[in-house]
Amino acid sequence: MRMMVRNSGGVTTVIAMAQHKSISYEVAKKKSIKPNFITYMVAKLNGKEIVYEVTMSQFVSANPFIKFSFKGGKPGDTVTIKWEDLQGKSKVSTGKIR
């Protein structure tokens, strides 16, 4: 996952792109393969406080681009993003606030 995390005026903005080949139910049926897409994503500040949480469906594109902001955080703090897909695989990425 590619991430950019910046703080300006007490508000931290996170821009991230998850690298995942999403396959909807419709496409999976046509190609006779298993569907797979990101179903859940959570972001935490310093591994403790949840600052972003979302459930997703098959309608999110492949390699989804995510942008969110939250109050708090300071330069040097760590933002961790974890996502899970329909097949149970997950990935964790971290970025430091600049």
C-alpha atoms as a PDB file:
ATOM      1  CA  MET A   1       0.000   0.000   0.000  1.00  0.00           C
ATOM      2  CA  ARG A   2       1.274   3.433  -0.880  1.00  0.00           C
ATOM      3  CA  MET A   3       0.620   6.114   1.758  1.00  0.00           C
ATOM      4  CA  MET A   4       1.124   9.816   2.295  1.00  0.00           C
ATOM      5  CA  VAL A   5       0.368  11.192   5.779  1.00  0.00           C
ATOM      6  CA  ARG A   6       0.574  14.909   6.579  1.00  0.00           C
ATOM      7  CA  ASN A   7      -0.489  17.136   9.448  1.00  0.00           C
ATOM      8  CA  SER A   8      -1.482  20.748   8.955  1.00  0.00           C
ATOM      9  CA  GLY A   9      -3.124  22.926  11.578  1.00  0.00           C
ATOM     10  CA  GLY A  10      -3.913  19.996  13.868  1.00  0.00           C
ATOM     11  CA  VAL A  11      -5.673  17.993  11.137  1.00  0.00           C
ATOM     12  CA  THR A  12      -3.973  14.881   9.754  1.00  0.00           C
ATOM     13  CA  THR A  13      -4.760  13.881   6.172  1.00  0.00           C
ATOM     14  CA  VAL A  14      -4.062  10.368   4.902  1.00  0.00           C
ATOM     15  CA  ILE A  15      -3.969   9.489   1.203  1.00  0.00           C
ATOM     16  CA  ALA A  16      -3.457   5.813   0.406  1.00  0.00           C
ATOM     17  CA  MET A  17      -3.804   3.358  -2.454  1.00  0.00           C
ATOM     18  CA  ALA A  18      -4.361  -0.299  -1.637  1.00  0.00           C
ATOM     19  CA  GLN A  19      -2.939  -2.660  -4.226  1.00  0.00           C
ATOM     20  CA  HIS A  20      -5.604  -5.311  -4.714  1.00  0.00           C
ATOM     21  CA  LYS A  21      -7.125  -6.904  -7.807  1.00  0.00           C
ATOM     22  CA  SER A  22     -10.809  -6.766  -6.990  1.00  0.00           C
ATOM     23  CA  ILE A  23     -13.084  -9.299  -8.662  1.00  0.00           C
ATOM     24  CA  SER A  24     -16.831  -8.777  -8.341  1.00  0.00           C
ATOM     25  CA  TYR A  25     -19.364 -11.592  -8.196  1.00  0.00           C
ATOM     26  CA  GLU A  26     -20.477 -10.855 -11.756  1.00  0.00           C
ATOM     27  CA  VAL A  27     -16.956 -10.957 -13.225  1.00  0.00           C
ATOM     28  CA  ALA A  28     -16.098 -14.043 -11.175  1.00  0.00           C
ATOM     29  CA  LYS A  29     -19.146 -15.862 -12.523  1.00  0.00           C
ATOM     30  CA  LYS A  30     -18.254 -15.009 -16.139  1.00  0.00           C
ATOM     31  CA  LYS A  31     -14.644 -16.160 -15.685  1.00  0.00           C
ATOM     32  CA  SER A  32     -15.482 -19.145 -13.437  1.00  0.00           C
ATOM     33  CA  ILE A  33     -13.210 -17.934 -10.646  1.00  0.00           C
ATOM     34  CA  LYS A  34     -13.753 -16.963  -7.020  1.00  0.00           C
ATOM     35  CA  PRO A  35     -14.838 -13.398  -6.267  1.00  0.00           C
ATOM     36  CA  ASN A  36     -12.453 -11.345  -4.169  1.00  0.00           C
ATOM     37  CA  PHE A  37     -12.497  -7.735  -3.038  1.00  0.00           C
ATOM     38  CA  ILE A  38     -11.565  -5.703   0.031  1.00  0.00           C
ATOM     39  CA  THR A  39     -14.326  -6.034   2.618  1.00  0.00           C
ATOM     40  CA  TYR A  40     -12.950  -4.164   5.645  1.00  0.00           C
ATOM     41  CA  MET A  41     -10.398  -1.450   6.301  1.00  0.00           C
ATOM     42  CA  VAL A  42      -9.305   0.177   9.558  1.00  0.00           C
ATOM     43  CA  ALA A  43      -6.735   2.865  10.328  1.00  0.00           C
ATOM     44  CA  LYS A  44      -5.210   3.443  13.749  1.00  0.00           C
ATOM     45  CA  LEU A  45      -3.089   6.214  15.210  1.00  0.00           C
ATOM     46  CA  ASN A  46      -0.028   4.851  17.046  1.00  0.00           C
ATOM     47  CA  GLY A  47      -1.603   1.372  16.962  1.00  0.00           C
ATOM     48  CA  LYS A  48      -4.321   2.271  19.476  1.00  0.00           C
ATOM     49  CA  GLU A  49      -6.928   4.851  18.528  1.00  0.00           C
ATOM     50  CA  ILE A  50      -9.155   4.008  15.533  1.00  0.00           C
ATOM     51  CA  VAL A  51      -9.302   7.058  13.272  1.00  0.00           C
ATOM     52  CA  TYR A  52     -10.968   5.473  10.213  1.00  0.00           C
ATOM     53  CA  GLU A  53     -13.072   2.344   9.758  1.00  0.00           C
ATOM     54  CA  VAL A  54     -15.033   1.235   6.714  1.00  0.00           C
ATOM     55  CA  THR A  55     -16.714  -1.859   5.319  1.00  0.00           C
ATOM     56  CA  MET A  56     -16.626  -2.225   1.553  1.00  0.00           C
ATOM     57  CA  SER A  57     -18.434  -4.201  -1.101  1.00  0.00           C
ATOM     58  CA  GLN A  58     -17.755  -5.531  -4.571  1.00  0.00           C
ATOM     59  CA  PHE A  59     -18.452  -2.082  -6.019  1.00  0.00           C
ATOM     60  CA  VAL A  60     -15.079  -0.661  -4.907  1.00  0.00           C
ATOM     61  CA  SER A  61     -12.588  -0.582  -7.760  1.00  0.00           C
ATOM     62  CA  ALA A  62      -9.384  -2.543  -8.031  1.00  0.00           C
ATOM     63  CA  ASN A  63      -6.493  -0.735  -6.328  1.00  0.00           C
ATOM     64  CA  PRO A  64      -8.829   1.607  -4.420  1.00  0.00           C
ATOM     65  CA  PHE A  65      -7.701   5.143  -3.615  1.00  0.00           C
ATOM     66  CA  ILE A  66      -8.628   6.219  -0.079  1.00  0.00           C
ATOM     67  CA  LYS A  67      -8.447   9.692   1.446  1.00  0.00           C
ATOM     68  CA  PHE A  68      -9.544  10.678   4.937  1.00  0.00           C
ATOM     69  CA  SER A  69      -8.726  13.266   7.603  1.00  0.00           C
ATOM     70  CA  PHE A  70      -8.909  13.339  11.383  1.00  0.00           C
ATOM     71  CA  LYS A  71      -8.173  15.801  14.155  1.00  0.00           C
ATOM     72  CA  GLY A  72      -5.039  15.059  16.112  1.00  0.00           C
ATOM     73  CA  GLY A  73      -1.755  13.388  15.498  1.00  0.00           C
ATOM     74  CA  LYS A  74       1.590  15.115  15.344  1.00  0.00           C
ATOM     75  CA  PRO A  75       4.722  14.758  13.239  1.00  0.00           C
ATOM     76  CA  GLY A  76       6.438  11.469  14.047  1.00  0.00           C
ATOM     77  CA  ASP A  77       3.238   9.622  15.041  1.00  0.00           C
ATOM     78  CA  THR A  78       2.404   6.462  13.107  1.00  0.00           C
ATOM     79  CA  VAL A  79      -0.759   5.725  11.142  1.00  0.00           C
ATOM     80  CA  THR A  80      -1.383   2.020  10.479  1.00  0.00           C
ATOM     81  CA  ILE A  81      -3.880   0.833   7.856  1.00  0.00           C
ATOM     82  CA  LYS A  82      -5.046  -2.784   7.716  1.00  0.00           C
ATOM     83  CA  TRP A  83      -7.415  -4.249   5.131  1.00  0.00           C
ATOM     84  CA  GLU A  84      -8.985  -7.683   4.777  1.00  0.00           C
ATOM     85  CA  ASP A  85     -10.463  -9.243   1.658  1.00  0.00           C
ATOM     86  CA  LEU A  86     -13.272 -11.699   0.981  1.00  0.00           C
ATOM     87  CA  GLN A  87     -10.884 -14.673   0.995  1.00  0.00           C
ATOM     88  CA  GLY A  88      -9.531 -13.807   4.441  1.00  0.00           C
ATOM     89  CA  LYS A  89      -6.190 -12.354   3.353  1.00  0.00           C
ATOM     90  CA  SER A  90      -5.027  -9.140   4.961  1.00  0.00           C
ATOM     91  CA  LYS A  91      -2.288  -6.579   4.619  1.00  0.00           C
ATOM     92  CA  VAL A  92      -0.925  -3.970   7.043  1.00  0.00           C
ATOM     93  CA  SER A  93       0.913  -0.790   6.070  1.00  0.00           C
ATOM     94  CA  THR A  94       2.274   2.041   8.180  1.00  0.00           C
ATOM     95  CA  GLY A  95       3.246   5.625   7.545  1.00  0.00           C
ATOM     96  CA  LYS A  96       4.688   8.377   9.721  1.00  0.00           C
ATOM     97  CA  ILE A  97       3.005  11.755   9.980  1.00  0.00           C
ATOM     98  CA  ARG A  98       5.083  14.519   8.438  1.00  0.00           C
END
